[in-house]
């Protein structure tokens, strides 16, 4: 080894240390006429929050609280999206309905048991989002009765990849008003008349 290099000194990691994550800087205030991308969590700029399907409900809740999010993507070990779980799923009637069907206790429920599975996830195209306004996103979320909307892009091979997430709560904070998107049992296909 060359004599021009000096070894660096080691130190011990202090307790309570966290790690840096790339922040996405969203505008504090937007208007309904602002670009839709101004209210989208862009997963090319900030890491998406995931959990494995065998995590318990309390672990999912703790991850949401610690991360300041209300939606987790449920992914397998290869990062394939299996579904999503929201704070509404955790605190709503899904756990109770599941226990009525199979028995057991709340601690016995995995997030895979109550998540919205991948095949039922409706998504928006990034191409459409890039041409849309905040008002269009709000209207879409109200029409389908959802608190969240996933946005997809395509990778180099033409496969779908989740690019972003809209949150009614986040949009409401940026607009300075509450966005009420009462959850209803409609599918996007029913809304657009397919």
N, C-alpha and C. Protein backbone atom coordinates (compact mmCIF):
# COMPACT_ATOMS: atom_id res chain seq x y z
N UNK A 1 0.84 -1.18 0.00
CA UNK A 1 0.00 0.00 0.00
C UNK A 1 0.88 1.24 0.00
N UNK A 2 0.42 2.25 -0.68
CA UNK A 2 1.20 3.50 -0.80
C UNK A 2 1.27 4.24 0.53
N UNK A 3 2.34 4.96 0.74
CA UNK A 3 2.51 5.72 1.97
C UNK A 3 1.77 7.05 1.94
N UNK A 4 1.09 7.35 0.83
CA UNK A 4 0.35 8.60 0.71
C UNK A 4 -1.04 8.54 1.36
N UNK A 5 -1.42 7.38 1.86
CA UNK A 5 -2.75 7.21 2.44
C UNK A 5 -2.63 6.98 3.93
N UNK A 6 -3.52 7.59 4.68
CA UNK A 6 -3.51 7.43 6.14
C UNK A 6 -4.78 6.75 6.59
N UNK A 7 -4.70 5.82 7.50
CA UNK A 7 -5.92 5.19 8.01
C UNK A 7 -6.74 6.20 8.81
N UNK A 8 -8.05 6.07 8.70
CA UNK A 8 -8.94 6.96 9.45
C UNK A 8 -9.25 6.31 10.79
N UNK A 9 -9.63 7.11 11.74
CA UNK A 9 -9.94 6.56 13.06
C UNK A 9 -11.42 6.17 13.12
N UNK A 10 -11.69 5.12 13.84
CA UNK A 10 -13.05 4.65 14.09
C UNK A 10 -13.56 5.25 15.38
N UNK A 11 -14.89 5.35 15.48
CA UNK A 11 -15.55 5.73 16.72
C UNK A 11 -16.77 4.83 16.86
N UNK A 12 -17.35 4.77 18.04
CA UNK A 12 -18.53 3.95 18.25
C UNK A 12 -19.79 4.75 17.94
N UNK A 13 -20.76 4.07 17.36
CA UNK A 13 -22.03 4.71 17.02
C UNK A 13 -22.77 5.05 18.30
N UNK A 14 -23.25 6.26 18.40
CA UNK A 14 -23.98 6.70 19.57
C UNK A 14 -25.39 6.11 19.56
N UNK A 15 -26.00 6.01 20.72
CA UNK A 15 -27.37 5.49 20.78
C UNK A 15 -28.34 6.55 20.26
N UNK A 16 -29.45 6.10 19.73
CA UNK A 16 -30.48 7.00 19.22
C UNK A 16 -30.18 7.61 17.87
N UNK A 17 -29.18 7.08 17.17
CA UNK A 17 -28.83 7.62 15.85
C UNK A 17 -29.83 7.11 14.83
N UNK A 18 -30.22 7.97 13.92
CA UNK A 18 -31.10 7.59 12.82
C UNK A 18 -30.29 7.66 11.53
N UNK A 19 -30.92 7.72 10.39
CA UNK A 19 -30.19 7.80 9.13
C UNK A 19 -30.84 8.84 8.23
N UNK A 20 -30.10 9.32 7.28
CA UNK A 20 -30.61 10.34 6.36
C UNK A 20 -31.46 9.70 5.27
N UNK A 21 -32.51 10.40 4.93
CA UNK A 21 -33.36 9.99 3.83
C UNK A 21 -33.54 11.19 2.91
N UNK A 22 -33.63 10.94 1.62
CA UNK A 22 -33.78 12.09 0.72
C UNK A 22 -35.13 12.76 0.92
N UNK A 23 -35.12 14.05 1.22
CA UNK A 23 -36.41 14.74 1.38
C UNK A 23 -36.95 15.19 0.04
N UNK A 24 -38.25 15.12 -0.10
CA UNK A 24 -38.88 15.71 -1.27
C UNK A 24 -39.48 17.03 -0.81
N UNK A 25 -39.17 18.06 -1.48
CA UNK A 25 -39.66 19.39 -1.11
C UNK A 25 -40.93 19.69 -1.90
N UNK A 26 -42.09 19.51 -1.24
CA UNK A 26 -43.36 19.86 -1.86
C UNK A 26 -43.70 21.30 -1.48
N UNK A 27 -44.36 22.03 -2.35
CA UNK A 27 -44.76 23.40 -2.00
C UNK A 27 -45.68 23.40 -0.78
N UNK A 28 -45.48 24.37 0.11
CA UNK A 28 -46.34 24.47 1.29
C UNK A 28 -47.78 24.73 0.91
N UNK A 29 -47.99 25.57 -0.07
CA UNK A 29 -49.34 25.92 -0.50
C UNK A 29 -49.48 25.71 -2.00
N UNK A 30 -50.61 25.15 -2.37
CA UNK A 30 -50.94 24.97 -3.78
C UNK A 30 -52.36 25.45 -4.01
N UNK A 31 -52.73 25.56 -5.26
CA UNK A 31 -54.09 25.89 -5.66
C UNK A 31 -54.63 24.72 -6.47
N UNK A 32 -55.92 24.68 -6.68
CA UNK A 32 -56.51 23.63 -7.51
C UNK A 32 -55.97 23.68 -8.93
N UNK A 33 -55.48 24.82 -9.36
CA UNK A 33 -54.92 24.97 -10.71
C UNK A 33 -53.43 24.64 -10.78
N UNK A 34 -52.81 24.34 -9.64
CA UNK A 34 -51.39 23.99 -9.62
C UNK A 34 -51.18 22.64 -10.30
N UNK A 35 -49.97 22.38 -10.81
CA UNK A 35 -49.69 21.07 -11.41
C UNK A 35 -49.89 19.94 -10.40
N UNK A 36 -50.46 18.85 -10.85
CA UNK A 36 -50.72 17.70 -9.98
C UNK A 36 -49.45 17.18 -9.33
N UNK A 37 -48.34 17.28 -10.02
CA UNK A 37 -47.07 16.78 -9.47
C UNK A 37 -46.64 17.56 -8.23
N UNK A 38 -47.21 18.75 -8.00
CA UNK A 38 -46.90 19.53 -6.80
C UNK A 38 -47.44 18.90 -5.53
N UNK A 39 -48.35 17.93 -5.65
CA UNK A 39 -48.92 17.28 -4.47
C UNK A 39 -48.66 15.77 -4.45
N UNK A 40 -47.85 15.29 -5.39
CA UNK A 40 -47.56 13.86 -5.47
C UNK A 40 -46.26 13.54 -4.73
N UNK A 41 -46.29 12.51 -3.90
CA UNK A 41 -45.06 11.99 -3.33
C UNK A 41 -44.37 11.23 -4.45
N UNK A 42 -43.25 11.73 -4.89
CA UNK A 42 -42.53 11.19 -6.04
C UNK A 42 -41.48 10.20 -5.54
N UNK A 43 -41.66 8.94 -5.86
CA UNK A 43 -40.77 7.90 -5.35
C UNK A 43 -39.41 7.88 -6.04
N UNK A 44 -39.20 8.79 -6.99
CA UNK A 44 -37.84 8.97 -7.52
C UNK A 44 -37.08 9.98 -6.67
N UNK A 45 -37.79 10.66 -5.76
CA UNK A 45 -37.16 11.68 -4.92
C UNK A 45 -37.19 11.34 -3.44
N UNK A 46 -38.04 10.43 -3.05
CA UNK A 46 -38.16 10.03 -1.64
C UNK A 46 -38.46 8.53 -1.61
N UNK A 47 -37.90 7.85 -0.65
CA UNK A 47 -38.09 6.40 -0.56
C UNK A 47 -39.52 6.06 -0.14
N UNK A 48 -40.13 5.11 -0.84
CA UNK A 48 -41.45 4.62 -0.46
C UNK A 48 -41.33 3.72 0.76
N UNK A 49 -42.35 3.71 1.58
CA UNK A 49 -42.34 2.89 2.79
C UNK A 49 -43.01 1.55 2.50
N UNK A 50 -42.31 0.47 2.84
CA UNK A 50 -42.82 -0.87 2.60
C UNK A 50 -42.75 -1.71 3.87
N UNK A 51 -43.48 -2.80 3.84
CA UNK A 51 -43.41 -3.83 4.88
C UNK A 51 -43.65 -5.16 4.22
N UNK A 52 -43.16 -6.20 4.85
CA UNK A 52 -43.41 -7.55 4.37
C UNK A 52 -44.81 -8.00 4.73
N UNK A 53 -45.35 -8.97 4.02
CA UNK A 53 -46.73 -9.41 4.23
C UNK A 53 -46.99 -10.09 5.56
N UNK A 54 -45.96 -10.55 6.23
CA UNK A 54 -46.14 -11.28 7.48
C UNK A 54 -45.98 -10.40 8.72
N UNK A 55 -45.91 -9.09 8.52
CA UNK A 55 -45.83 -8.18 9.66
C UNK A 55 -47.20 -8.11 10.33
N UNK A 56 -47.19 -7.86 11.61
CA UNK A 56 -48.43 -7.71 12.36
C UNK A 56 -49.00 -6.31 12.21
N UNK A 57 -50.26 -6.16 12.63
CA UNK A 57 -50.93 -4.87 12.50
C UNK A 57 -50.27 -3.79 13.36
N UNK A 58 -49.85 -4.15 14.56
CA UNK A 58 -49.20 -3.17 15.43
C UNK A 58 -47.87 -2.71 14.83
N UNK A 59 -47.12 -3.62 14.23
CA UNK A 59 -45.85 -3.25 13.60
C UNK A 59 -46.10 -2.30 12.42
N UNK A 60 -47.14 -2.56 11.65
CA UNK A 60 -47.48 -1.68 10.52
C UNK A 60 -47.87 -0.30 11.04
N UNK A 61 -48.66 -0.26 12.10
CA UNK A 61 -49.07 1.02 12.69
C UNK A 61 -47.85 1.79 13.18
N UNK A 62 -46.95 1.11 13.86
CA UNK A 62 -45.74 1.77 14.37
C UNK A 62 -44.89 2.31 13.23
N UNK A 63 -44.77 1.57 12.14
CA UNK A 63 -43.98 2.03 10.98
C UNK A 63 -44.62 3.29 10.40
N UNK A 64 -45.96 3.29 10.29
CA UNK A 64 -46.64 4.47 9.76
C UNK A 64 -46.40 5.69 10.64
N UNK A 65 -46.55 5.52 11.93
CA UNK A 65 -46.36 6.63 12.86
C UNK A 65 -44.92 7.15 12.79
N UNK A 66 -43.96 6.24 12.84
CA UNK A 66 -42.55 6.63 12.83
C UNK A 66 -42.16 7.33 11.53
N UNK A 67 -42.80 6.94 10.43
CA UNK A 67 -42.46 7.50 9.11
C UNK A 67 -43.34 8.67 8.71
N UNK A 68 -44.40 8.91 9.46
CA UNK A 68 -45.31 10.01 9.13
C UNK A 68 -46.12 9.75 7.88
N UNK A 69 -46.45 8.48 7.62
CA UNK A 69 -47.26 8.13 6.45
C UNK A 69 -48.52 7.40 6.89
N UNK A 70 -49.48 7.31 5.99
CA UNK A 70 -50.73 6.62 6.27
C UNK A 70 -50.97 5.47 5.30
N UNK A 71 -49.95 5.14 4.49
CA UNK A 71 -50.02 4.04 3.54
C UNK A 71 -48.66 3.36 3.47
N UNK A 72 -48.69 2.04 3.52
CA UNK A 72 -47.48 1.24 3.32
C UNK A 72 -47.71 0.33 2.13
N UNK A 73 -46.69 0.21 1.28
CA UNK A 73 -46.75 -0.78 0.22
C UNK A 73 -46.30 -2.11 0.83
N UNK A 74 -47.03 -3.16 0.54
CA UNK A 74 -46.67 -4.49 1.03
C UNK A 74 -45.88 -5.17 -0.08
N UNK A 75 -44.64 -5.55 0.23
CA UNK A 75 -43.76 -6.08 -0.80
C UNK A 75 -43.12 -7.39 -0.34
N UNK A 76 -42.79 -8.23 -1.33
CA UNK A 76 -42.08 -9.46 -1.00
C UNK A 76 -40.58 -9.18 -0.97
N UNK A 77 -39.78 -10.23 -0.81
CA UNK A 77 -38.33 -10.05 -0.68
C UNK A 77 -37.67 -9.54 -1.95
N UNK A 78 -38.33 -9.67 -3.09
CA UNK A 78 -37.80 -9.17 -4.35
C UNK A 78 -38.35 -7.77 -4.68
N UNK A 79 -39.02 -7.14 -3.70
CA UNK A 79 -39.64 -5.82 -3.85
C UNK A 79 -40.81 -5.79 -4.81
N UNK A 80 -41.41 -6.95 -5.09
CA UNK A 80 -42.64 -6.98 -5.88
C UNK A 80 -43.79 -6.55 -4.99
N UNK A 81 -44.63 -5.67 -5.50
CA UNK A 81 -45.75 -5.16 -4.71
C UNK A 81 -46.85 -6.22 -4.64
N UNK A 82 -47.19 -6.59 -3.41
CA UNK A 82 -48.25 -7.56 -3.16
C UNK A 82 -49.57 -6.88 -2.86
N UNK A 83 -49.49 -5.62 -2.41
CA UNK A 83 -50.69 -4.87 -2.06
C UNK A 83 -50.32 -3.62 -1.29
N UNK A 84 -51.34 -2.99 -0.70
CA UNK A 84 -51.12 -1.84 0.16
C UNK A 84 -51.93 -2.01 1.42
N UNK A 85 -51.49 -1.33 2.46
CA UNK A 85 -52.24 -1.28 3.72
C UNK A 85 -52.26 0.18 4.16
N UNK A 86 -53.42 0.65 4.58
CA UNK A 86 -53.55 2.04 5.01
C UNK A 86 -53.90 2.10 6.49
N UNK A 87 -53.77 3.28 7.04
CA UNK A 87 -54.14 3.46 8.45
C UNK A 87 -55.63 3.19 8.64
N UNK A 88 -56.44 3.49 7.63
CA UNK A 88 -57.87 3.19 7.70
C UNK A 88 -58.11 1.68 7.76
N UNK A 89 -57.31 0.91 7.00
CA UNK A 89 -57.43 -0.55 7.06
C UNK A 89 -57.13 -1.06 8.46
N UNK A 90 -56.11 -0.48 9.09
CA UNK A 90 -55.68 -0.94 10.42
C UNK A 90 -56.69 -0.60 11.50
N UNK A 91 -57.30 0.58 11.40
CA UNK A 91 -58.20 1.02 12.46
C UNK A 91 -59.67 0.82 12.12
N UNK A 92 -59.96 0.46 10.89
CA UNK A 92 -61.35 0.28 10.45
C UNK A 92 -61.90 -1.08 10.81
N UNK A 93 -62.87 -1.53 10.02
CA UNK A 93 -63.55 -2.79 10.34
C UNK A 93 -62.92 -4.02 9.69
N UNK A 94 -61.89 -3.85 8.87
CA UNK A 94 -61.27 -5.02 8.24
C UNK A 94 -60.72 -6.03 9.24
N UNK A 95 -60.00 -5.60 10.28
CA UNK A 95 -59.52 -6.61 11.25
C UNK A 95 -60.67 -7.36 11.93
N UNK A 96 -61.73 -6.66 12.30
CA UNK A 96 -62.87 -7.30 12.95
C UNK A 96 -63.55 -8.29 12.01
N UNK A 97 -63.75 -7.91 10.76
CA UNK A 97 -64.37 -8.82 9.78
C UNK A 97 -63.51 -10.07 9.59
N UNK A 98 -62.20 -9.87 9.53
CA UNK A 98 -61.30 -11.00 9.36
C UNK A 98 -61.40 -11.95 10.56
N UNK A 99 -61.41 -11.39 11.76
CA UNK A 99 -61.51 -12.24 12.96
C UNK A 99 -62.86 -12.95 13.03
N UNK A 100 -63.92 -12.33 12.56
CA UNK A 100 -65.23 -12.98 12.54
C UNK A 100 -65.23 -14.17 11.59
N UNK A 101 -64.46 -14.07 10.52
CA UNK A 101 -64.39 -15.15 9.53
C UNK A 101 -63.52 -16.31 9.98
N UNK A 102 -62.36 -16.00 10.56
CA UNK A 102 -61.39 -17.06 10.87
C UNK A 102 -61.15 -17.29 12.36
N UNK A 103 -61.61 -16.38 13.21
CA UNK A 103 -61.37 -16.51 14.64
C UNK A 103 -59.99 -16.01 15.02
N UNK A 104 -59.68 -16.11 16.29
CA UNK A 104 -58.38 -15.69 16.76
C UNK A 104 -58.43 -14.34 17.44
N UNK A 105 -57.25 -13.76 17.60
CA UNK A 105 -57.11 -12.46 18.25
C UNK A 105 -56.46 -11.49 17.26
N UNK A 106 -56.57 -10.22 17.57
CA UNK A 106 -55.98 -9.18 16.71
C UNK A 106 -54.49 -9.43 16.49
N UNK A 107 -53.79 -9.89 17.51
CA UNK A 107 -52.35 -10.15 17.40
C UNK A 107 -52.04 -11.25 16.38
N UNK A 108 -53.04 -12.04 16.01
CA UNK A 108 -52.84 -13.14 15.06
C UNK A 108 -52.95 -12.69 13.60
N UNK A 109 -53.36 -11.46 13.38
CA UNK A 109 -53.60 -10.98 12.02
C UNK A 109 -52.30 -10.43 11.42
N UNK A 110 -52.00 -10.87 10.21
CA UNK A 110 -50.88 -10.32 9.45
C UNK A 110 -51.44 -9.27 8.49
N UNK A 111 -50.60 -8.36 8.04
CA UNK A 111 -51.11 -7.34 7.13
C UNK A 111 -51.58 -7.95 5.81
N UNK A 112 -51.04 -9.09 5.43
CA UNK A 112 -51.49 -9.74 4.19
C UNK A 112 -52.96 -10.16 4.29
N UNK A 113 -53.45 -10.34 5.52
CA UNK A 113 -54.82 -10.80 5.73
C UNK A 113 -55.85 -9.70 5.48
N UNK A 114 -55.44 -8.44 5.61
CA UNK A 114 -56.43 -7.35 5.46
C UNK A 114 -56.01 -6.30 4.43
N UNK A 115 -54.84 -6.46 3.81
CA UNK A 115 -54.39 -5.47 2.82
C UNK A 115 -55.28 -5.51 1.58
N UNK A 116 -55.19 -4.47 0.79
CA UNK A 116 -55.80 -4.48 -0.53
C UNK A 116 -54.77 -5.15 -1.44
N UNK A 117 -55.12 -6.30 -2.02
CA UNK A 117 -54.14 -7.03 -2.82
C UNK A 117 -53.84 -6.34 -4.15
N UNK A 118 -52.68 -6.62 -4.69
CA UNK A 118 -52.19 -6.00 -5.92
C UNK A 118 -53.21 -6.05 -7.05
N UNK A 119 -53.88 -7.17 -7.22
CA UNK A 119 -54.81 -7.30 -8.34
C UNK A 119 -56.04 -6.40 -8.21
N UNK A 120 -56.27 -5.82 -7.04
CA UNK A 120 -57.40 -4.91 -6.85
C UNK A 120 -56.98 -3.44 -6.79
N UNK A 121 -55.69 -3.18 -6.98
CA UNK A 121 -55.20 -1.81 -6.92
C UNK A 121 -55.42 -1.09 -8.24
N UNK A 122 -56.07 0.04 -8.18
CA UNK A 122 -56.30 0.88 -9.34
C UNK A 122 -55.25 1.98 -9.32
N UNK A 123 -54.71 2.29 -10.48
CA UNK A 123 -53.59 3.23 -10.55
C UNK A 123 -53.83 4.30 -11.61
N UNK A 124 -53.11 5.39 -11.45
CA UNK A 124 -53.11 6.47 -12.43
C UNK A 124 -51.78 6.44 -13.18
N UNK A 125 -51.78 6.87 -14.40
CA UNK A 125 -50.58 6.92 -15.23
C UNK A 125 -49.83 8.23 -14.98
N UNK A 126 -48.51 8.16 -14.88
CA UNK A 126 -47.71 9.37 -14.70
C UNK A 126 -47.89 10.32 -15.88
N UNK A 127 -48.10 9.77 -17.07
CA UNK A 127 -48.32 10.63 -18.24
C UNK A 127 -49.57 11.49 -18.04
N UNK A 128 -50.64 10.89 -17.51
CA UNK A 128 -51.86 11.65 -17.25
C UNK A 128 -51.65 12.64 -16.11
N UNK A 129 -50.93 12.22 -15.08
CA UNK A 129 -50.68 13.08 -13.92
C UNK A 129 -49.88 14.31 -14.34
N UNK A 130 -48.90 14.13 -15.20
CA UNK A 130 -48.06 15.25 -15.63
C UNK A 130 -48.84 16.29 -16.42
N UNK A 131 -50.00 15.93 -16.96
CA UNK A 131 -50.85 16.87 -17.69
C UNK A 131 -51.99 17.41 -16.83
N UNK A 132 -52.12 16.89 -15.61
CA UNK A 132 -53.27 17.22 -14.76
C UNK A 132 -52.94 18.34 -13.76
N UNK A 133 -54.01 18.83 -13.16
CA UNK A 133 -53.91 19.84 -12.10
C UNK A 133 -54.31 19.22 -10.77
N UNK A 134 -54.02 19.90 -9.70
CA UNK A 134 -54.40 19.43 -8.37
C UNK A 134 -55.91 19.18 -8.32
N UNK A 135 -56.70 20.07 -8.90
CA UNK A 135 -58.15 19.92 -8.92
C UNK A 135 -58.59 18.63 -9.58
N UNK A 136 -57.88 18.19 -10.63
CA UNK A 136 -58.20 16.93 -11.29
C UNK A 136 -57.95 15.74 -10.36
N UNK A 137 -56.87 15.81 -9.61
CA UNK A 137 -56.56 14.74 -8.66
C UNK A 137 -57.62 14.69 -7.57
N UNK A 138 -57.98 15.84 -7.03
CA UNK A 138 -59.01 15.90 -5.98
C UNK A 138 -60.32 15.34 -6.51
N UNK A 139 -60.72 15.74 -7.71
CA UNK A 139 -61.97 15.24 -8.30
C UNK A 139 -61.92 13.72 -8.48
N UNK A 140 -60.79 13.21 -8.92
CA UNK A 140 -60.64 11.76 -9.10
C UNK A 140 -60.77 11.03 -7.78
N UNK A 141 -60.08 11.51 -6.77
CA UNK A 141 -60.12 10.84 -5.47
C UNK A 141 -61.51 10.90 -4.84
N UNK A 142 -62.20 12.02 -5.03
CA UNK A 142 -63.57 12.13 -4.51
C UNK A 142 -64.51 11.20 -5.27
N UNK A 143 -64.34 11.11 -6.59
CA UNK A 143 -65.22 10.27 -7.41
C UNK A 143 -65.09 8.80 -7.03
N UNK A 144 -63.86 8.34 -6.81
CA UNK A 144 -63.67 6.93 -6.47
C UNK A 144 -63.67 6.68 -4.98
N UNK A 145 -63.75 7.76 -4.17
CA UNK A 145 -63.87 7.61 -2.73
C UNK A 145 -62.64 7.04 -2.06
N UNK A 146 -61.48 7.51 -2.45
CA UNK A 146 -60.23 6.97 -1.90
C UNK A 146 -59.43 8.06 -1.21
N UNK A 147 -58.71 7.67 -0.19
CA UNK A 147 -57.80 8.57 0.52
C UNK A 147 -56.43 8.63 -0.15
N UNK A 148 -56.12 7.61 -0.94
CA UNK A 148 -54.81 7.52 -1.60
C UNK A 148 -54.99 7.11 -3.05
N UNK A 149 -54.02 7.49 -3.87
CA UNK A 149 -53.99 7.04 -5.26
C UNK A 149 -52.54 6.75 -5.62
N UNK A 150 -52.33 5.61 -6.25
CA UNK A 150 -51.00 5.24 -6.71
C UNK A 150 -50.81 5.70 -8.15
N UNK A 151 -49.59 6.10 -8.47
CA UNK A 151 -49.24 6.55 -9.81
C UNK A 151 -48.17 5.62 -10.35
N UNK A 152 -48.36 5.15 -11.58
CA UNK A 152 -47.38 4.23 -12.17
C UNK A 152 -46.70 4.86 -13.38
N UNK A 153 -45.49 4.39 -13.59
CA UNK A 153 -44.66 4.74 -14.74
C UNK A 153 -44.25 3.40 -15.34
N UNK A 154 -43.44 3.40 -16.36
CA UNK A 154 -42.91 2.15 -16.90
C UNK A 154 -41.39 2.19 -16.82
N UNK A 155 -40.81 1.02 -16.59
CA UNK A 155 -39.35 0.93 -16.53
C UNK A 155 -38.79 0.73 -17.95
N UNK A 156 -37.50 0.53 -18.04
CA UNK A 156 -36.83 0.39 -19.35
C UNK A 156 -37.35 -0.79 -20.16
N UNK A 157 -37.91 -1.81 -19.47
CA UNK A 157 -38.45 -2.98 -20.14
C UNK A 157 -39.95 -2.86 -20.45
N UNK A 158 -40.54 -1.72 -20.11
CA UNK A 158 -41.96 -1.51 -20.37
C UNK A 158 -42.87 -2.05 -19.28
N UNK A 159 -42.31 -2.45 -18.14
CA UNK A 159 -43.11 -2.96 -17.02
C UNK A 159 -43.56 -1.81 -16.12
N UNK A 160 -44.76 -1.97 -15.55
CA UNK A 160 -45.24 -0.96 -14.61
C UNK A 160 -44.34 -0.91 -13.38
N UNK A 161 -44.15 0.30 -12.87
CA UNK A 161 -43.43 0.52 -11.62
C UNK A 161 -44.14 1.66 -10.89
N UNK A 162 -44.32 1.52 -9.59
CA UNK A 162 -45.00 2.58 -8.84
C UNK A 162 -44.06 3.79 -8.78
N UNK A 163 -44.57 4.90 -9.25
CA UNK A 163 -43.77 6.12 -9.35
C UNK A 163 -44.12 7.12 -8.25
N UNK A 164 -45.40 7.13 -7.83
CA UNK A 164 -45.80 8.13 -6.85
C UNK A 164 -47.06 7.77 -6.13
N UNK A 165 -47.37 8.58 -5.13
CA UNK A 165 -48.55 8.37 -4.29
C UNK A 165 -49.19 9.72 -4.02
N UNK A 166 -50.51 9.77 -4.18
CA UNK A 166 -51.28 10.94 -3.76
C UNK A 166 -51.96 10.59 -2.44
N UNK A 167 -51.99 11.54 -1.54
CA UNK A 167 -52.67 11.39 -0.26
C UNK A 167 -53.64 12.55 -0.08
N UNK A 168 -54.90 12.24 0.18
CA UNK A 168 -55.90 13.29 0.37
C UNK A 168 -55.51 14.18 1.55
N UNK A 169 -54.95 13.60 2.59
CA UNK A 169 -54.54 14.39 3.75
C UNK A 169 -53.42 15.36 3.37
N UNK A 170 -52.42 14.89 2.62
CA UNK A 170 -51.32 15.75 2.19
C UNK A 170 -51.83 16.86 1.28
N UNK A 171 -52.70 16.52 0.34
CA UNK A 171 -53.25 17.52 -0.57
C UNK A 171 -54.03 18.57 0.22
N UNK A 172 -54.82 18.10 1.17
CA UNK A 172 -55.59 19.02 2.01
C UNK A 172 -54.69 20.00 2.77
N UNK A 173 -53.58 19.48 3.31
CA UNK A 173 -52.65 20.36 4.02
C UNK A 173 -52.07 21.40 3.07
N UNK A 174 -51.72 20.99 1.86
CA UNK A 174 -51.14 21.92 0.91
C UNK A 174 -52.16 22.94 0.38
N UNK A 175 -53.42 22.51 0.28
CA UNK A 175 -54.48 23.43 -0.16
C UNK A 175 -54.95 24.34 0.97
N UNK A 176 -54.76 23.88 2.20
CA UNK A 176 -55.25 24.63 3.35
C UNK A 176 -56.71 24.37 3.63
N UNK A 177 -57.20 23.22 3.16
CA UNK A 177 -58.59 22.82 3.42
C UNK A 177 -58.69 21.31 3.44
N UNK A 178 -59.68 20.80 4.12
CA UNK A 178 -59.87 19.35 4.24
C UNK A 178 -60.43 18.79 2.93
N UNK A 179 -59.92 17.62 2.56
CA UNK A 179 -60.41 16.92 1.37
C UNK A 179 -61.19 15.70 1.87
N UNK A 180 -62.49 15.72 1.68
CA UNK A 180 -63.33 14.61 2.13
C UNK A 180 -63.57 13.67 0.96
N UNK A 181 -63.05 12.44 1.09
CA UNK A 181 -63.20 11.45 0.02
C UNK A 181 -63.85 10.20 0.57
N UNK A 182 -65.00 10.33 1.15
CA UNK A 182 -65.68 9.21 1.80
C UNK A 182 -65.46 7.92 1.03
N UNK A 183 -64.91 6.91 1.76
CA UNK A 183 -64.62 5.62 1.13
C UNK A 183 -65.93 4.97 0.68
N UNK A 184 -66.01 4.63 -0.60
CA UNK A 184 -67.19 3.97 -1.14
C UNK A 184 -66.75 2.72 -1.87
N UNK A 185 -67.68 1.80 -2.03
CA UNK A 185 -67.35 0.51 -2.64
C UNK A 185 -67.55 0.54 -4.15
N UNK A 186 -66.90 1.48 -4.83
CA UNK A 186 -66.95 1.56 -6.28
C UNK A 186 -65.59 1.23 -6.82
N UNK A 187 -65.56 0.66 -7.98
CA UNK A 187 -64.27 0.48 -8.64
C UNK A 187 -64.11 1.58 -9.66
N UNK A 188 -62.90 1.86 -10.02
CA UNK A 188 -62.63 2.90 -11.00
C UNK A 188 -63.36 2.58 -12.31
N UNK A 189 -63.41 1.30 -12.66
CA UNK A 189 -64.09 0.90 -13.89
C UNK A 189 -65.57 1.26 -13.85
N UNK A 190 -66.22 1.12 -12.68
CA UNK A 190 -67.62 1.47 -12.56
C UNK A 190 -67.82 2.99 -12.75
N UNK A 191 -66.88 3.76 -12.23
CA UNK A 191 -66.99 5.20 -12.31
C UNK A 191 -66.88 5.69 -13.76
N UNK A 192 -65.95 5.14 -14.51
CA UNK A 192 -65.78 5.60 -15.89
C UNK A 192 -66.68 4.86 -16.86
N UNK A 193 -67.52 3.95 -16.36
CA UNK A 193 -68.52 3.29 -17.19
C UNK A 193 -68.02 2.20 -18.11
N UNK A 194 -67.00 1.49 -17.69
CA UNK A 194 -66.47 0.41 -18.53
C UNK A 194 -67.26 -0.85 -18.34
